[in-house]
Full PDB file with SEQRES, HELIX, SHEET, SSBOND, CRYST1, ORIGX, SCALE, CONECT and MASTER records, all heavy atoms in Angstrom:
SEQRES   1 A   40  THR ALA ALA ALA ASP SER VAL GLU VAL GLY SER VAL GLY          
SEQRES   2 A   40  PHE TRP GLU VAL LEU ALA VAL PHE PHE PRO ALA VAL THR          
SEQRES   3 A   40  GLY ILE MET SER GLY VAL ASN MET SER GLY ASP LEU LYS          
SEQRES   4 A   40  ASN                                                          
HELIX    1 AA1 ALA A    2  SER A    6  5                                   5    
HELIX    2 AA2 PHE A   14  PHE A   21  1                                   8    
HELIX    3 AA3 PHE A   22  VAL A   25  5                                   4    
HELIX    4 AA4 MET A   29  VAL A   32  1                                   4    
HELIX    5 AA5 SER A   35  ASP A   37  5                                   3    
CRYST1    1.000    1.000    1.000  90.00  90.00  90.00 P 1           1          
ORIGX1      1.000000  0.000000  0.000000        0.00000                         
ORIGX2      0.000000  1.000000  0.000000        0.00000                         
ORIGX3      0.000000  0.000000  1.000000        0.00000                         
SCALE1      1.000000  0.000000  0.000000        0.00000                         
SCALE2      0.000000  1.000000  0.000000        0.00000                         
SCALE3      0.000000  0.000000  1.000000        0.00000                         
ATOM      1  N   THR A   1     -43.613  46.136  14.868  1.00  0.00           N  
ATOM      2  CA  THR A   1     -44.849  46.492  15.560  1.00  0.00           C  
ATOM      3  C   THR A   1     -44.543  47.045  16.938  1.00  0.00           C  
ATOM      4  O   THR A   1     -43.483  46.773  17.531  1.00  0.00           O  
ATOM      5  CB  THR A   1     -45.764  45.263  15.703  1.00  0.00           C  
ATOM      6  OG1 THR A   1     -45.100  44.294  16.496  1.00  0.00           O  
ATOM      7  CG2 THR A   1     -46.096  44.651  14.352  1.00  0.00           C  
ATOM      8  N   ALA A   2     -45.484  47.805  17.472  1.00  0.00           N  
ATOM      9  CA  ALA A   2     -45.306  48.379  18.806  1.00  0.00           C  
ATOM     10  C   ALA A   2     -45.235  47.295  19.871  1.00  0.00           C  
ATOM     11  O   ALA A   2     -44.508  47.423  20.870  1.00  0.00           O  
ATOM     12  CB  ALA A   2     -46.458  49.348  19.093  1.00  0.00           C  
ATOM     13  N   ALA A   3     -45.990  46.202  19.657  1.00  0.00           N  
ATOM     14  CA  ALA A   3     -46.011  45.117  20.653  1.00  0.00           C  
ATOM     15  C   ALA A   3     -44.673  44.391  20.716  1.00  0.00           C  
ATOM     16  O   ALA A   3     -44.403  43.668  21.688  1.00  0.00           O  
ATOM     17  CB  ALA A   3     -47.138  44.134  20.313  1.00  0.00           C  
ATOM     18  N   ALA A   4     -43.844  44.570  19.701  1.00  0.00           N  
ATOM     19  CA  ALA A   4     -42.572  43.850  19.665  1.00  0.00           C  
ATOM     20  C   ALA A   4     -41.624  44.292  20.766  1.00  0.00           C  
ATOM     21  O   ALA A   4     -40.692  43.561  21.138  1.00  0.00           O  
ATOM     22  CB  ALA A   4     -41.912  44.041  18.295  1.00  0.00           C  
ATOM     23  N   ASP A   5     -41.824  45.490  21.317  1.00  0.00           N  
ATOM     24  CA  ASP A   5     -40.915  46.003  22.335  1.00  0.00           C  
ATOM     25  C   ASP A   5     -40.941  45.159  23.609  1.00  0.00           C  
ATOM     26  O   ASP A   5     -39.954  45.114  24.357  1.00  0.00           O  
ATOM     27  CB  ASP A   5     -41.271  47.446  22.675  1.00  0.00           C  
ATOM     28  CG  ASP A   5     -41.063  48.374  21.481  1.00  0.00           C  
ATOM     29  OD1 ASP A   5     -40.247  48.013  20.602  1.00  0.00           O  
ATOM     30  OD2 ASP A   5     -41.720  49.430  21.418  1.00  0.00           O  
ATOM     31  N   SER A   6     -42.083  44.526  23.866  1.00  0.00           N  
ATOM     32  CA  SER A   6     -42.221  43.738  25.110  1.00  0.00           C  
ATOM     33  C   SER A   6     -41.876  42.261  24.919  1.00  0.00           C  
ATOM     34  O   SER A   6     -42.003  41.461  25.833  1.00  0.00           O  
ATOM     35  CB  SER A   6     -43.665  43.858  25.633  1.00  0.00           C  
ATOM     36  OG  SER A   6     -44.573  43.360  24.660  1.00  0.00           O  
ATOM     37  N   VAL A   7     -41.441  41.907  23.731  1.00  0.00           N  
ATOM     38  CA  VAL A   7     -41.151  40.501  23.424  1.00  0.00           C  
ATOM     39  C   VAL A   7     -39.693  40.190  23.731  1.00  0.00           C  
ATOM     40  O   VAL A   7     -38.792  40.977  23.392  1.00  0.00           O  
ATOM     41  CB  VAL A   7     -41.466  40.196  21.944  1.00  0.00           C  
ATOM     42  CG1 VAL A   7     -40.955  38.802  21.574  1.00  0.00           C  
ATOM     43  CG2 VAL A   7     -42.958  40.295  21.699  1.00  0.00           C  
ATOM     44  N   GLU A   8     -39.453  39.063  24.357  1.00  0.00           N  
ATOM     45  CA  GLU A   8     -38.095  38.609  24.643  1.00  0.00           C  
ATOM     46  C   GLU A   8     -37.702  37.568  23.601  1.00  0.00           C  
ATOM     47  O   GLU A   8     -38.134  36.414  23.647  1.00  0.00           O  
ATOM     48  CB  GLU A   8     -38.004  38.025  26.051  1.00  0.00           C  
ATOM     49  CG  GLU A   8     -36.584  37.641  26.450  1.00  0.00           C  
ATOM     50  CD  GLU A   8     -36.518  37.076  27.865  1.00  0.00           C  
ATOM     51  OE1 GLU A   8     -37.544  37.147  28.574  1.00  0.00           O  
ATOM     52  OE2 GLU A   8     -35.450  36.557  28.237  1.00  0.00           O  
ATOM     53  N   VAL A   9     -36.893  37.941  22.647  1.00  0.00           N  
ATOM     54  CA  VAL A   9     -36.471  37.046  21.565  1.00  0.00           C  
ATOM     55  C   VAL A   9     -35.528  35.970  22.117  1.00  0.00           C  
ATOM     56  O   VAL A   9     -34.632  36.265  22.898  1.00  0.00           O  
ATOM     57  CB  VAL A   9     -35.773  37.841  20.443  1.00  0.00           C  
ATOM     58  CG1 VAL A   9     -35.244  36.898  19.368  1.00  0.00           C  
ATOM     59  CG2 VAL A   9     -36.716  38.866  19.857  1.00  0.00           C  
ATOM     60  N   GLY A  10     -35.762  34.717  21.687  1.00  0.00           N  
ATOM     61  CA  GLY A  10     -34.894  33.617  22.093  1.00  0.00           C  
ATOM     62  C   GLY A  10     -35.179  33.073  23.456  1.00  0.00           C  
ATOM     63  O   GLY A  10     -34.355  32.331  24.027  1.00  0.00           O  
ATOM     64  N   SER A  11     -36.311  33.398  24.048  1.00  0.00           N  
ATOM     65  CA  SER A  11     -36.631  32.921  25.400  1.00  0.00           C  
ATOM     66  C   SER A  11     -37.041  31.448  25.403  1.00  0.00           C  
ATOM     67  O   SER A  11     -37.119  30.826  26.470  1.00  0.00           O  
ATOM     68  CB  SER A  11     -37.759  33.774  25.997  1.00  0.00           C  
ATOM     69  OG  SER A  11     -38.920  33.709  25.187  1.00  0.00           O  
ATOM     70  N   VAL A  12     -37.336  30.894  24.234  1.00  0.00           N  
ATOM     71  CA  VAL A  12     -37.722  29.484  24.131  1.00  0.00           C  
ATOM     72  C   VAL A  12     -36.588  28.740  23.437  1.00  0.00           C  
ATOM     73  O   VAL A  12     -36.068  29.188  22.405  1.00  0.00           O  
ATOM     74  CB  VAL A  12     -39.037  29.325  23.337  1.00  0.00           C  
ATOM     75  CG1 VAL A  12     -39.437  27.859  23.261  1.00  0.00           C  
ATOM     76  CG2 VAL A  12     -40.133  30.161  23.979  1.00  0.00           C  
ATOM     77  N   GLY A  13     -36.205  27.576  23.983  1.00  0.00           N  
ATOM     78  CA  GLY A  13     -35.069  26.827  23.463  1.00  0.00           C  
ATOM     79  C   GLY A  13     -35.369  26.018  22.217  1.00  0.00           C  
ATOM     80  O   GLY A  13     -36.527  25.869  21.783  1.00  0.00           O  
ATOM     81  N   PHE A  14     -34.313  25.439  21.654  1.00  0.00           N  
ATOM     82  CA  PHE A  14     -34.400  24.703  20.393  1.00  0.00           C  
ATOM     83  C   PHE A  14     -35.383  23.534  20.483  1.00  0.00           C  
ATOM     84  O   PHE A  14     -36.252  23.374  19.631  1.00  0.00           O  
ATOM     85  CB  PHE A  14     -32.996  24.204  20.006  1.00  0.00           C  
ATOM     86  CG  PHE A  14     -32.959  23.387  18.749  1.00  0.00           C  
ATOM     87  CD1 PHE A  14     -32.830  24.000  17.510  1.00  0.00           C  
ATOM     88  CD2 PHE A  14     -33.059  21.995  18.795  1.00  0.00           C  
ATOM     89  CE1 PHE A  14     -32.792  23.242  16.345  1.00  0.00           C  
ATOM     90  CE2 PHE A  14     -33.019  21.236  17.640  1.00  0.00           C  
ATOM     91  CZ  PHE A  14     -32.890  21.866  16.411  1.00  0.00           C  
ATOM     92  N   TRP A  15     -35.235  22.694  21.503  1.00  0.00           N  
ATOM     93  CA  TRP A  15     -36.056  21.489  21.590  1.00  0.00           C  
ATOM     94  C   TRP A  15     -37.515  21.813  21.899  1.00  0.00           C  
ATOM     95  O   TRP A  15     -38.417  21.116  21.416  1.00  0.00           O  
ATOM     96  CB  TRP A  15     -35.492  20.531  22.648  1.00  0.00           C  
ATOM     97  CG  TRP A  15     -34.144  20.009  22.266  1.00  0.00           C  
ATOM     98  CD1 TRP A  15     -32.953  20.306  22.857  1.00  0.00           C  
ATOM     99  CD2 TRP A  15     -33.834  19.121  21.187  1.00  0.00           C  
ATOM    100  NE1 TRP A  15     -31.915  19.655  22.220  1.00  0.00           N  
ATOM    101  CE2 TRP A  15     -32.429  18.917  21.180  1.00  0.00           C  
ATOM    102  CE3 TRP A  15     -34.590  18.479  20.221  1.00  0.00           C  
ATOM    103  CZ2 TRP A  15     -31.793  18.105  20.274  1.00  0.00           C  
ATOM    104  CZ3 TRP A  15     -33.957  17.659  19.292  1.00  0.00           C  
ATOM    105  CH2 TRP A  15     -32.583  17.475  19.319  1.00  0.00           C  
ATOM    106  N   GLU A  16     -37.742  22.865  22.654  1.00  0.00           N  
ATOM    107  CA  GLU A  16     -39.125  23.277  22.902  1.00  0.00           C  
ATOM    108  C   GLU A  16     -39.785  23.768  21.613  1.00  0.00           C  
ATOM    109  O   GLU A  16     -40.957  23.467  21.343  1.00  0.00           O  
ATOM    110  CB  GLU A  16     -39.153  24.397  23.946  1.00  0.00           C  
ATOM    111  CG  GLU A  16     -38.694  23.970  25.335  1.00  0.00           C  
ATOM    112  CD  GLU A  16     -38.572  25.146  26.288  1.00  0.00           C  
ATOM    113  OE1 GLU A  16     -39.573  25.479  26.935  1.00  0.00           O  
ATOM    114  OE2 GLU A  16     -37.475  25.731  26.359  1.00  0.00           O  
ATOM    115  N   VAL A  17     -39.037  24.486  20.810  1.00  0.00           N  
ATOM    116  CA  VAL A  17     -39.572  24.958  19.532  1.00  0.00           C  
ATOM    117  C   VAL A  17     -39.825  23.774  18.590  1.00  0.00           C  
ATOM    118  O   VAL A  17     -40.836  23.731  17.887  1.00  0.00           O  
ATOM    119  CB  VAL A  17     -38.607  25.976  18.877  1.00  0.00           C  
ATOM    120  CG1 VAL A  17     -39.057  26.329  17.469  1.00  0.00           C  
ATOM    121  CG2 VAL A  17     -38.519  27.225  19.740  1.00  0.00           C  
ATOM    122  N   LEU A  18     -38.899  22.801  18.599  1.00  0.00           N  
ATOM    123  CA  LEU A  18     -39.087  21.595  17.776  1.00  0.00           C  
ATOM    124  C   LEU A  18     -40.371  20.875  18.168  1.00  0.00           C  
ATOM    125  O   LEU A  18     -41.133  20.403  17.309  1.00  0.00           O  
ATOM    126  CB  LEU A  18     -37.886  20.674  17.933  1.00  0.00           C  
ATOM    127  CG  LEU A  18     -37.980  19.301  17.253  1.00  0.00           C  
ATOM    128  CD1 LEU A  18     -38.078  19.448  15.748  1.00  0.00           C  
ATOM    129  CD2 LEU A  18     -36.788  18.421  17.611  1.00  0.00           C  
ATOM    130  N   ALA A  19     -40.627  20.778  19.475  1.00  0.00           N  
ATOM    131  CA  ALA A  19     -41.846  20.118  19.938  1.00  0.00           C  
ATOM    132  C   ALA A  19     -43.105  20.832  19.463  1.00  0.00           C  
ATOM    133  O   ALA A  19     -44.106  20.195  19.130  1.00  0.00           O  
ATOM    134  CB  ALA A  19     -41.842  20.040  21.471  1.00  0.00           C  
ATOM    135  N   VAL A  20     -43.045  22.159  19.401  1.00  0.00           N  
ATOM    136  CA  VAL A  20     -44.207  22.933  18.930  1.00  0.00           C  
ATOM    137  C   VAL A  20     -44.384  22.760  17.426  1.00  0.00           C  
ATOM    138  O   VAL A  20     -45.506  22.632  16.930  1.00  0.00           O  
ATOM    139  CB  VAL A  20     -44.033  24.429  19.289  1.00  0.00           C  
ATOM    140  CG1 VAL A  20     -45.104  25.273  18.605  1.00  0.00           C  
ATOM    141  CG2 VAL A  20     -44.094  24.620  20.789  1.00  0.00           C  
ATOM    142  N   PHE A  21     -43.268  22.712  16.691  1.00  0.00           N  
ATOM    143  CA  PHE A  21     -43.360  22.657  15.234  1.00  0.00           C  
ATOM    144  C   PHE A  21     -43.721  21.264  14.715  1.00  0.00           C  
ATOM    145  O   PHE A  21     -44.423  21.148  13.702  1.00  0.00           O  
ATOM    146  CB  PHE A  21     -42.027  23.081  14.614  1.00  0.00           C  
ATOM    147  CG  PHE A  21     -41.983  22.932  13.126  1.00  0.00           C  
ATOM    148  CD1 PHE A  21     -42.565  23.883  12.290  1.00  0.00           C  
ATOM    149  CD2 PHE A  21     -41.406  21.812  12.526  1.00  0.00           C  
ATOM    150  CE1 PHE A  21     -42.551  23.735  10.909  1.00  0.00           C  
ATOM    151  CE2 PHE A  21     -41.390  21.653  11.159  1.00  0.00           C  
ATOM    152  CZ  PHE A  21     -41.963  22.624  10.350  1.00  0.00           C  
ATOM    153  N   PHE A  22     -43.271  20.213  15.378  1.00  0.00           N  
ATOM    154  CA  PHE A  22     -43.369  18.879  14.800  1.00  0.00           C  
ATOM    155  C   PHE A  22     -44.777  18.469  14.364  1.00  0.00           C  
ATOM    156  O   PHE A  22     -44.930  17.824  13.325  1.00  0.00           O  
ATOM    157  CB  PHE A  22     -42.801  17.838  15.763  1.00  0.00           C  
ATOM    158  CG  PHE A  22     -42.659  16.474  15.128  1.00  0.00           C  
ATOM    159  CD1 PHE A  22     -41.542  16.167  14.366  1.00  0.00           C  
ATOM    160  CD2 PHE A  22     -43.651  15.510  15.281  1.00  0.00           C  
ATOM    161  CE1 PHE A  22     -41.423  14.932  13.766  1.00  0.00           C  
ATOM    162  CE2 PHE A  22     -43.538  14.274  14.681  1.00  0.00           C  
ATOM    163  CZ  PHE A  22     -42.418  13.974  13.921  1.00  0.00           C  
ATOM    164  N   PRO A  23     -45.846  18.772  15.123  1.00  0.00           N  
ATOM    165  CA  PRO A  23     -47.179  18.373  14.642  1.00  0.00           C  
ATOM    166  C   PRO A  23     -47.515  18.892  13.247  1.00  0.00           C  
ATOM    167  O   PRO A  23     -48.421  18.361  12.600  1.00  0.00           O  
ATOM    168  CB  PRO A  23     -48.108  18.985  15.700  1.00  0.00           C  
ATOM    169  CG  PRO A  23     -47.276  19.047  16.945  1.00  0.00           C  
ATOM    170  CD  PRO A  23     -45.900  19.360  16.477  1.00  0.00           C  
ATOM    171  N   ALA A  24     -46.772  19.909  12.751  1.00  0.00           N  
ATOM    172  CA  ALA A  24     -47.051  20.442  11.423  1.00  0.00           C  
ATOM    173  C   ALA A  24     -46.713  19.443  10.319  1.00  0.00           C  
ATOM    174  O   ALA A  24     -47.167  19.616   9.181  1.00  0.00           O  
ATOM    175  CB  ALA A  24     -46.244  21.733  11.200  1.00  0.00           C  
ATOM    176  N   VAL A  25     -45.911  18.392  10.630  1.00  0.00           N  
ATOM    177  CA  VAL A  25     -45.521  17.433   9.583  1.00  0.00           C  
ATOM    178  C   VAL A  25     -46.157  16.065   9.802  1.00  0.00           C  
ATOM    179  O   VAL A  25     -45.722  15.073   9.206  1.00  0.00           O  
ATOM    180  CB  VAL A  25     -43.979  17.291   9.531  1.00  0.00           C  
ATOM    181  CG1 VAL A  25     -43.347  18.591   9.161  1.00  0.00           C  
ATOM    182  CG2 VAL A  25     -43.432  16.766  10.847  1.00  0.00           C  
ATOM    183  N   THR A  26     -47.193  15.991  10.620  1.00  0.00           N  
ATOM    184  CA  THR A  26     -47.783  14.686  10.955  1.00  0.00           C  
ATOM    185  C   THR A  26     -49.083  14.419  10.210  1.00  0.00           C  
ATOM    186  O   THR A  26     -49.891  13.611  10.652  1.00  0.00           O  
ATOM    187  CB  THR A  26     -48.047  14.583  12.479  1.00  0.00           C  
ATOM    188  OG1 THR A  26     -48.945  15.649  12.855  1.00  0.00           O  
ATOM    189  CG2 THR A  26     -46.765  14.705  13.255  1.00  0.00           C  
ATOM    190  N   GLY A  27     -49.288  15.061   9.073  1.00  0.00           N  
ATOM    191  CA  GLY A  27     -50.550  14.867   8.364  1.00  0.00           C  
ATOM    192  C   GLY A  27     -50.507  13.864   7.245  1.00  0.00           C  
ATOM    193  O   GLY A  27     -51.422  13.797   6.427  1.00  0.00           O  
ATOM    194  N   ILE A  28     -49.446  13.031   7.177  1.00  0.00           N  
ATOM    195  CA  ILE A  28     -49.283  12.153   6.032  1.00  0.00           C  
ATOM    196  C   ILE A  28     -50.318  11.034   5.960  1.00  0.00           C  
ATOM    197  O   ILE A  28     -50.512  10.435   4.913  1.00  0.00           O  
ATOM    198  CB  ILE A  28     -47.879  11.535   6.005  1.00  0.00           C  
ATOM    199  CG1 ILE A  28     -47.625  10.729   7.289  1.00  0.00           C  
ATOM    200  CG2 ILE A  28     -46.823  12.597   5.818  1.00  0.00           C  
ATOM    201  CD1 ILE A  28     -46.326   9.954   7.263  1.00  0.00           C  
ATOM    202  N   MET A  29     -51.000  10.746   7.078  1.00  0.00           N  
ATOM    203  CA  MET A  29     -51.934   9.628   7.071  1.00  0.00           C  
ATOM    204  C   MET A  29     -53.287   9.981   6.471  1.00  0.00           C  
ATOM    205  O   MET A  29     -54.104   9.103   6.235  1.00  0.00           O  
ATOM    206  CB  MET A  29     -52.151   9.115   8.503  1.00  0.00           C  
ATOM    207  CG  MET A  29     -50.923   8.472   9.118  1.00  0.00           C  
ATOM    208  SD  MET A  29     -50.210   7.143   8.127  1.00  0.00           S  
ATOM    209  CE  MET A  29     -51.585   6.018   8.060  1.00  0.00           C  
ATOM    210  N   SER A  30     -53.549  11.242   6.213  1.00  0.00           N  
ATOM    211  CA  SER A  30     -54.859  11.638   5.687  1.00  0.00           C  
ATOM    212  C   SER A  30     -55.162  10.952   4.372  1.00  0.00           C  
ATOM    213  O   SER A  30     -56.281  10.507   4.121  1.00  0.00           O  
ATOM    214  CB  SER A  30     -54.930  13.155   5.519  1.00  0.00           C  
ATOM    215  OG  SER A  30     -54.845  13.786   6.772  1.00  0.00           O  
ATOM    216  N   GLY A  31     -54.165  10.876   3.502  1.00  0.00           N  
ATOM    217  CA  GLY A  31     -54.365  10.190   2.243  1.00  0.00           C  
ATOM    218  C   GLY A  31     -54.345   8.675   2.401  1.00  0.00           C  
ATOM    219  O   GLY A  31     -55.128   7.967   1.759  1.00  0.00           O  
ATOM    220  N   VAL A  32     -53.477   8.149   3.282  1.00  0.00           N  
ATOM    221  CA  VAL A  32     -53.382   6.715   3.508  1.00  0.00           C  
ATOM    222  C   VAL A  32     -54.693   6.147   4.043  1.00  0.00           C  
ATOM    223  O   VAL A  32     -55.083   5.020   3.709  1.00  0.00           O  
ATOM    224  CB  VAL A  32     -52.225   6.399   4.480  1.00  0.00           C  
ATOM    225  CG1 VAL A  32     -52.139   4.911   4.780  1.00  0.00           C  
ATOM    226  CG2 VAL A  32     -50.913   6.900   3.896  1.00  0.00           C  
ATOM    227  N   ASN A  33     -55.391   6.936   4.868  1.00  0.00           N  
ATOM    228  CA  ASN A  33     -56.652   6.473   5.429  1.00  0.00           C  
ATOM    229  C   ASN A  33     -57.729   6.270   4.362  1.00  0.00           C  
ATOM    230  O   ASN A  33     -58.784   5.680   4.646  1.00  0.00           O  
ATOM    231  CB  ASN A  33     -57.162   7.462   6.487  1.00  0.00           C  
ATOM    232  CG  ASN A  33     -56.327   7.406   7.748  1.00  0.00           C  
ATOM    233  OD1 ASN A  33     -55.757   6.371   8.086  1.00  0.00           O  
ATOM    234  ND2 ASN A  33     -56.202   8.521   8.440  1.00  0.00           N  
ATOM    235  N   MET A  34     -57.499   6.771   3.158  1.00  0.00           N  
ATOM    236  CA  MET A  34     -58.443   6.584   2.055  1.00  0.00           C  
ATOM    237  C   MET A  34     -58.120   5.321   1.263  1.00  0.00           C  
ATOM    238  O   MET A  34     -58.581   5.144   0.135  1.00  0.00           O  
ATOM    239  CB  MET A  34     -58.408   7.796   1.121  1.00  0.00           C  
ATOM    240  CG  MET A  34     -58.670   9.129   1.786  1.00  0.00           C  
ATOM    241  SD  MET A  34     -60.308   9.174   2.535  1.00  0.00           S  
ATOM    242  CE  MET A  34     -61.332   8.970   1.076  1.00  0.00           C  
ATOM    243  N   SER A  35     -57.307   4.441   1.824  1.00  0.00           N  
ATOM    244  CA  SER A  35     -56.793   3.284   1.095  1.00  0.00           C  
ATOM    245  C   SER A  35     -57.890   2.445   0.455  1.00  0.00           C  
ATOM    246  O   SER A  35     -57.734   1.935  -0.650  1.00  0.00           O  
ATOM    247  CB  SER A  35     -55.947   2.406   2.032  1.00  0.00           C  
ATOM    248  OG  SER A  35     -56.730   2.008   3.155  1.00  0.00           O  
ATOM    249  N   GLY A  36     -59.018   2.300   1.139  1.00  0.00           N  
ATOM    250  CA  GLY A  36     -60.098   1.474   0.600  1.00  0.00           C  
ATOM    251  C   GLY A  36     -60.790   2.097  -0.585  1.00  0.00           C  
ATOM    252  O   GLY A  36     -61.526   1.419  -1.305  1.00  0.00           O  
ATOM    253  N   ASP A  37     -60.567   3.392  -0.830  1.00  0.00           N  
ATOM    254  CA  ASP A  37     -61.209   4.080  -1.946  1.00  0.00           C  
ATOM    255  C   ASP A  37     -60.269   4.298  -3.122  1.00  0.00           C  
ATOM    256  O   ASP A  37     -60.623   4.961  -4.091  1.00  0.00           O  
ATOM    257  CB  ASP A  37     -61.737   5.443  -1.468  1.00  0.00           C  
ATOM    258  CG  ASP A  37     -62.824   5.293  -0.417  1.00  0.00           C  
ATOM    259  OD1 ASP A  37     -63.985   5.148  -0.777  1.00  0.00           O  
ATOM    260  OD2 ASP A  37     -62.467   5.296   0.783  1.00  0.00           O  
ATOM    261  N   LEU A  38     -59.054   3.764  -3.007  1.00  0.00           N  
ATOM    262  CA  LEU A  38     -58.081   3.963  -4.065  1.00  0.00           C  
ATOM    263  C   LEU A  38     -58.160   2.835  -5.087  1.00  0.00           C  
ATOM    264  O   LEU A  38     -58.345   1.667  -4.746  1.00  0.00           O  
ATOM    265  CB  LEU A  38     -56.662   4.014  -3.469  1.00  0.00           C  
ATOM    266  CG  LEU A  38     -56.401   5.164  -2.490  1.00  0.00           C  
ATOM    267  CD1 LEU A  38     -55.034   4.966  -1.843  1.00  0.00           C  
ATOM    268  CD2 LEU A  38     -56.464   6.495  -3.193  1.00  0.00           C  
ATOM    269  N   LYS A  39     -57.978   3.182  -6.352  1.00  0.00           N  
ATOM    270  CA  LYS A  39     -57.988   2.193  -7.414  1.00  0.00           C  
ATOM    271  C   LYS A  39     -56.746   1.318  -7.354  1.00  0.00           C  
ATOM    272  O   LYS A  39     -56.805   0.104  -7.554  1.00  0.00           O  
ATOM    273  CB  LYS A  39     -58.092   2.881  -8.775  1.00  0.00           C  
ATOM    274  CG  LYS A  39     -58.138   1.931  -9.961  1.00  0.00           C  
ATOM    275  CD  LYS A  39     -58.239   2.707 -11.251  1.00  0.00           C  
ATOM    276  CE  LYS A  39     -58.261   1.760 -12.452  1.00  0.00           C  
ATOM    277  NZ  LYS A  39     -58.315   2.505 -13.737  1.00  0.00           N  
ATOM    278  N   ASN A  40     -55.611   1.924  -7.079  1.00  0.00           N  
ATOM    279  CA  ASN A  40     -54.347   1.192  -7.035  1.00  0.00           C  
ATOM    280  C   ASN A  40     -53.541   1.670  -5.824  1.00  0.00           C  
ATOM    281  O   ASN A  40     -52.603   2.457  -5.939  1.00  0.00           O  
ATOM    282  CB  ASN A  40     -53.554   1.440  -8.325  1.00  0.00           C  
ATOM    283  CG  ASN A  40     -52.312   0.578  -8.391  1.00  0.00           C  
ATOM    284  OD1 ASN A  40     -52.048  -0.246  -7.519  1.00  0.00           O  
ATOM    285  ND2 ASN A  40     -51.520   0.760  -9.446  1.00  0.00           N  
TER     286      ASN A  40                                                      
MASTER        0    0    0    5    0    0    0    6  285    1    0    4          
END                                                                             
């Protein structure tokens, strides 16, 4: 894309990227919160 010319690739470090990504894997409790509605 034309906008890509102004982008600085790699300007954000590994741990900062990990911090941004991690909330993507924190949804496991959605099913657990339904515990009272589960048969088993």
